[in-house]
């Protein structure tokens, strides 16, 4: 599955947040940034990317397979 991965640029309290969603928005997860996902952001200015993931349980964050180039999704 391909998803868009976005992280918060700034939060005034608590850990950074992360959001994942599929193009049709049938699969969405938002929550605190996990240790596993924190390593996938190379810099502070890189706040979003697309990825191929496995997502067996949409109540949990997906599992990264690989980063992908930007997708032509409607904004």
N, C-alpha and C. Protein backbone atom coordinates (compact mmCIF):
# COMPACT_ATOMS: atom_id res chain seq x y z
N UNK A 1 0.85 -1.16 0.00
CA UNK A 1 0.00 0.00 0.00
C UNK A 1 0.90 1.24 0.00
N UNK A 2 0.45 2.28 -0.69
CA UNK A 2 1.17 3.54 -0.69
C UNK A 2 0.45 4.51 0.23
N UNK A 3 1.23 5.18 1.07
CA UNK A 3 0.66 6.16 2.00
C UNK A 3 1.49 7.43 1.98
N UNK A 4 0.85 8.51 2.42
CA UNK A 4 1.56 9.75 2.67
C UNK A 4 1.88 9.79 4.15
N UNK A 5 3.11 10.14 4.48
CA UNK A 5 3.59 10.20 5.86
C UNK A 5 3.90 11.65 6.17
N UNK A 6 3.30 12.19 7.20
CA UNK A 6 3.53 13.58 7.58
C UNK A 6 3.82 13.65 9.06
N UNK A 7 4.74 14.55 9.43
CA UNK A 7 5.01 14.76 10.84
C UNK A 7 4.77 16.23 11.17
N UNK A 8 4.50 16.47 12.43
CA UNK A 8 4.31 17.84 12.87
C UNK A 8 5.65 18.56 12.83
N UNK A 9 5.63 19.82 12.43
CA UNK A 9 6.85 20.62 12.43
C UNK A 9 7.16 21.15 13.81
N UNK A 10 6.11 21.39 14.59
CA UNK A 10 6.30 21.97 15.91
C UNK A 10 5.14 21.54 16.79
N UNK A 11 5.43 21.21 18.00
CA UNK A 11 4.39 20.95 18.98
C UNK A 11 4.81 21.60 20.29
N UNK A 12 3.86 22.25 20.93
CA UNK A 12 4.21 22.98 22.15
C UNK A 12 4.29 22.07 23.37
N UNK A 13 3.72 20.90 23.28
CA UNK A 13 3.79 19.96 24.39
C UNK A 13 3.76 18.53 23.88
N UNK A 14 4.43 17.67 24.59
CA UNK A 14 4.43 16.26 24.22
C UNK A 14 5.36 15.98 23.05
N UNK A 15 5.40 14.72 22.65
CA UNK A 15 6.27 14.31 21.54
C UNK A 15 5.70 14.79 20.20
N UNK A 16 6.54 14.83 19.15
CA UNK A 16 6.04 15.16 17.82
C UNK A 16 4.94 14.17 17.41
N UNK A 17 4.06 14.63 16.55
CA UNK A 17 2.96 13.79 16.06
C UNK A 17 3.26 13.34 14.65
N UNK A 18 2.60 12.25 14.25
CA UNK A 18 2.78 11.71 12.91
C UNK A 18 1.41 11.30 12.38
N UNK A 19 1.24 11.46 11.07
CA UNK A 19 -0.01 11.14 10.39
C UNK A 19 0.31 10.30 9.16
N UNK A 20 -0.44 9.23 8.97
CA UNK A 20 -0.34 8.39 7.78
C UNK A 20 -1.72 8.29 7.16
N UNK A 21 -1.79 8.34 5.83
CA UNK A 21 -3.07 8.08 5.18
C UNK A 21 -2.87 7.62 3.75
N UNK A 22 -3.83 6.79 3.32
CA UNK A 22 -3.84 6.31 1.95
C UNK A 22 -4.51 7.36 1.07
N UNK A 23 -4.33 7.25 -0.24
CA UNK A 23 -4.89 8.26 -1.15
C UNK A 23 -6.40 8.39 -1.01
N UNK A 24 -7.10 7.27 -0.85
CA UNK A 24 -8.56 7.33 -0.73
C UNK A 24 -9.02 7.61 0.71
N UNK A 25 -8.08 7.77 1.62
CA UNK A 25 -8.31 8.10 3.04
C UNK A 25 -9.08 7.00 3.80
N UNK A 26 -9.10 5.80 3.23
CA UNK A 26 -9.75 4.68 3.94
C UNK A 26 -8.90 4.21 5.11
N UNK A 27 -7.59 4.41 4.99
CA UNK A 27 -6.67 4.04 6.06
C UNK A 27 -6.00 5.31 6.56
N UNK A 28 -6.25 5.63 7.82
CA UNK A 28 -5.67 6.82 8.44
C UNK A 28 -5.24 6.45 9.85
N UNK A 29 -4.07 6.95 10.24
CA UNK A 29 -3.61 6.79 11.62
C UNK A 29 -2.88 8.05 12.02
N UNK A 30 -3.18 8.57 13.20
CA UNK A 30 -2.48 9.73 13.74
C UNK A 30 -2.12 9.43 15.18
N UNK A 31 -0.89 9.78 15.55
CA UNK A 31 -0.48 9.53 16.93
C UNK A 31 0.90 10.10 17.19
N UNK A 32 1.45 9.76 18.35
CA UNK A 32 2.79 10.22 18.71
C UNK A 32 3.83 9.54 17.82
N UNK A 33 4.87 10.29 17.50
CA UNK A 33 5.98 9.77 16.69
C UNK A 33 6.61 8.59 17.43
N UNK A 34 6.79 7.49 16.71
CA UNK A 34 7.43 6.31 17.30
C UNK A 34 8.93 6.36 17.05
N UNK A 35 9.68 5.64 17.84
CA UNK A 35 11.13 5.56 17.66
C UNK A 35 11.44 5.01 16.27
N UNK A 36 10.71 4.02 15.83
CA UNK A 36 10.95 3.40 14.52
C UNK A 36 10.79 4.41 13.40
N UNK A 37 9.76 5.24 13.49
CA UNK A 37 9.50 6.20 12.41
C UNK A 37 10.38 7.43 12.50
N UNK A 38 10.83 7.79 13.67
CA UNK A 38 11.69 8.98 13.83
C UNK A 38 12.94 8.89 12.95
N UNK A 39 13.49 7.70 12.81
CA UNK A 39 14.72 7.52 12.04
C UNK A 39 14.54 7.74 10.54
N UNK A 40 13.31 7.76 10.05
CA UNK A 40 13.06 7.89 8.61
C UNK A 40 13.02 9.34 8.13
N UNK A 41 13.12 10.28 9.05
CA UNK A 41 13.18 11.68 8.64
C UNK A 41 14.63 12.14 8.71
N UNK A 42 15.15 12.58 7.58
CA UNK A 42 16.57 12.94 7.49
C UNK A 42 16.87 14.31 8.07
N UNK A 43 15.89 15.22 8.03
CA UNK A 43 16.14 16.57 8.52
C UNK A 43 14.85 17.18 9.04
N UNK A 44 14.98 18.25 9.78
CA UNK A 44 13.82 18.92 10.35
C UNK A 44 12.91 19.48 9.26
N UNK A 45 13.49 19.92 8.14
CA UNK A 45 12.68 20.52 7.07
C UNK A 45 11.94 19.48 6.23
N UNK A 46 12.28 18.22 6.37
CA UNK A 46 11.65 17.14 5.62
C UNK A 46 10.44 16.65 6.41
N UNK A 47 9.28 17.27 6.21
CA UNK A 47 8.13 16.95 7.05
C UNK A 47 7.14 15.98 6.43
N UNK A 48 7.37 15.58 5.19
CA UNK A 48 6.45 14.62 4.58
C UNK A 48 7.16 13.82 3.50
N UNK A 49 6.66 12.61 3.28
CA UNK A 49 7.12 11.80 2.16
C UNK A 49 6.10 10.71 1.91
N UNK A 50 6.21 10.08 0.76
CA UNK A 50 5.36 8.96 0.42
C UNK A 50 6.14 7.68 0.63
N UNK A 51 5.41 6.61 0.95
CA UNK A 51 6.09 5.35 1.23
C UNK A 51 5.22 4.17 0.85
N UNK A 52 5.90 3.10 0.50
CA UNK A 52 5.23 1.81 0.37
C UNK A 52 5.32 1.17 1.76
N UNK A 53 4.18 0.71 2.24
CA UNK A 53 4.14 0.16 3.60
C UNK A 53 3.34 -1.13 3.63
N UNK A 54 3.54 -1.87 4.71
CA UNK A 54 2.64 -2.95 5.10
C UNK A 54 1.82 -2.37 6.24
N UNK A 55 0.52 -2.59 6.23
CA UNK A 55 -0.33 -2.01 7.26
C UNK A 55 -1.38 -3.03 7.69
N UNK A 56 -0.95 -4.06 8.43
CA UNK A 56 -1.88 -5.13 8.80
C UNK A 56 -2.96 -4.70 9.80
N UNK A 57 -2.66 -3.68 10.61
CA UNK A 57 -3.62 -3.21 11.62
C UNK A 57 -3.63 -1.69 11.60
N UNK A 58 -4.67 -1.10 11.05
CA UNK A 58 -4.72 0.36 10.91
C UNK A 58 -4.94 1.08 12.24
N UNK A 59 -5.03 0.32 13.34
CA UNK A 59 -5.05 0.96 14.67
C UNK A 59 -3.64 1.23 15.15
N UNK A 60 -2.65 0.76 14.39
CA UNK A 60 -1.23 0.94 14.70
C UNK A 60 -0.55 1.61 13.50
N UNK A 61 0.62 2.23 13.70
CA UNK A 61 1.34 2.80 12.55
C UNK A 61 1.75 1.70 11.57
N UNK A 62 1.85 2.04 10.29
CA UNK A 62 2.27 1.04 9.30
C UNK A 62 3.75 0.70 9.43
N UNK A 63 4.16 -0.31 8.68
CA UNK A 63 5.56 -0.76 8.66
C UNK A 63 6.16 -0.33 7.33
N UNK A 64 7.23 0.45 7.38
CA UNK A 64 7.86 0.97 6.16
C UNK A 64 8.52 -0.14 5.36
N UNK A 65 8.24 -0.16 4.07
CA UNK A 65 8.97 -1.03 3.14
C UNK A 65 10.04 -0.19 2.45
N UNK A 66 9.59 0.94 1.83
CA UNK A 66 10.56 1.85 1.21
C UNK A 66 9.91 3.21 0.96
N UNK A 67 10.77 4.23 0.95
CA UNK A 67 10.32 5.58 0.58
C UNK A 67 10.10 5.61 -0.92
N UNK A 68 9.16 6.46 -1.35
CA UNK A 68 8.83 6.59 -2.76
C UNK A 68 8.95 8.05 -3.19
N UNK A 69 9.07 8.30 -4.50
CA UNK A 69 9.01 9.67 -4.98
C UNK A 69 7.62 10.27 -4.71
N UNK A 70 7.53 11.59 -4.77
CA UNK A 70 6.22 12.23 -4.62
C UNK A 70 5.21 11.62 -5.57
N UNK A 71 4.00 11.46 -5.09
CA UNK A 71 2.91 10.90 -5.88
C UNK A 71 2.01 12.03 -6.38
N UNK A 72 1.30 11.79 -7.43
CA UNK A 72 0.43 12.80 -8.03
C UNK A 72 -0.97 12.70 -7.42
N UNK A 73 -1.04 12.90 -6.10
CA UNK A 73 -2.32 12.85 -5.40
C UNK A 73 -2.94 14.24 -5.36
N UNK A 74 -4.26 14.32 -5.40
CA UNK A 74 -4.87 15.65 -5.19
C UNK A 74 -4.52 16.17 -3.81
N UNK A 75 -4.37 17.44 -3.68
CA UNK A 75 -4.02 18.03 -2.38
C UNK A 75 -5.23 18.24 -1.53
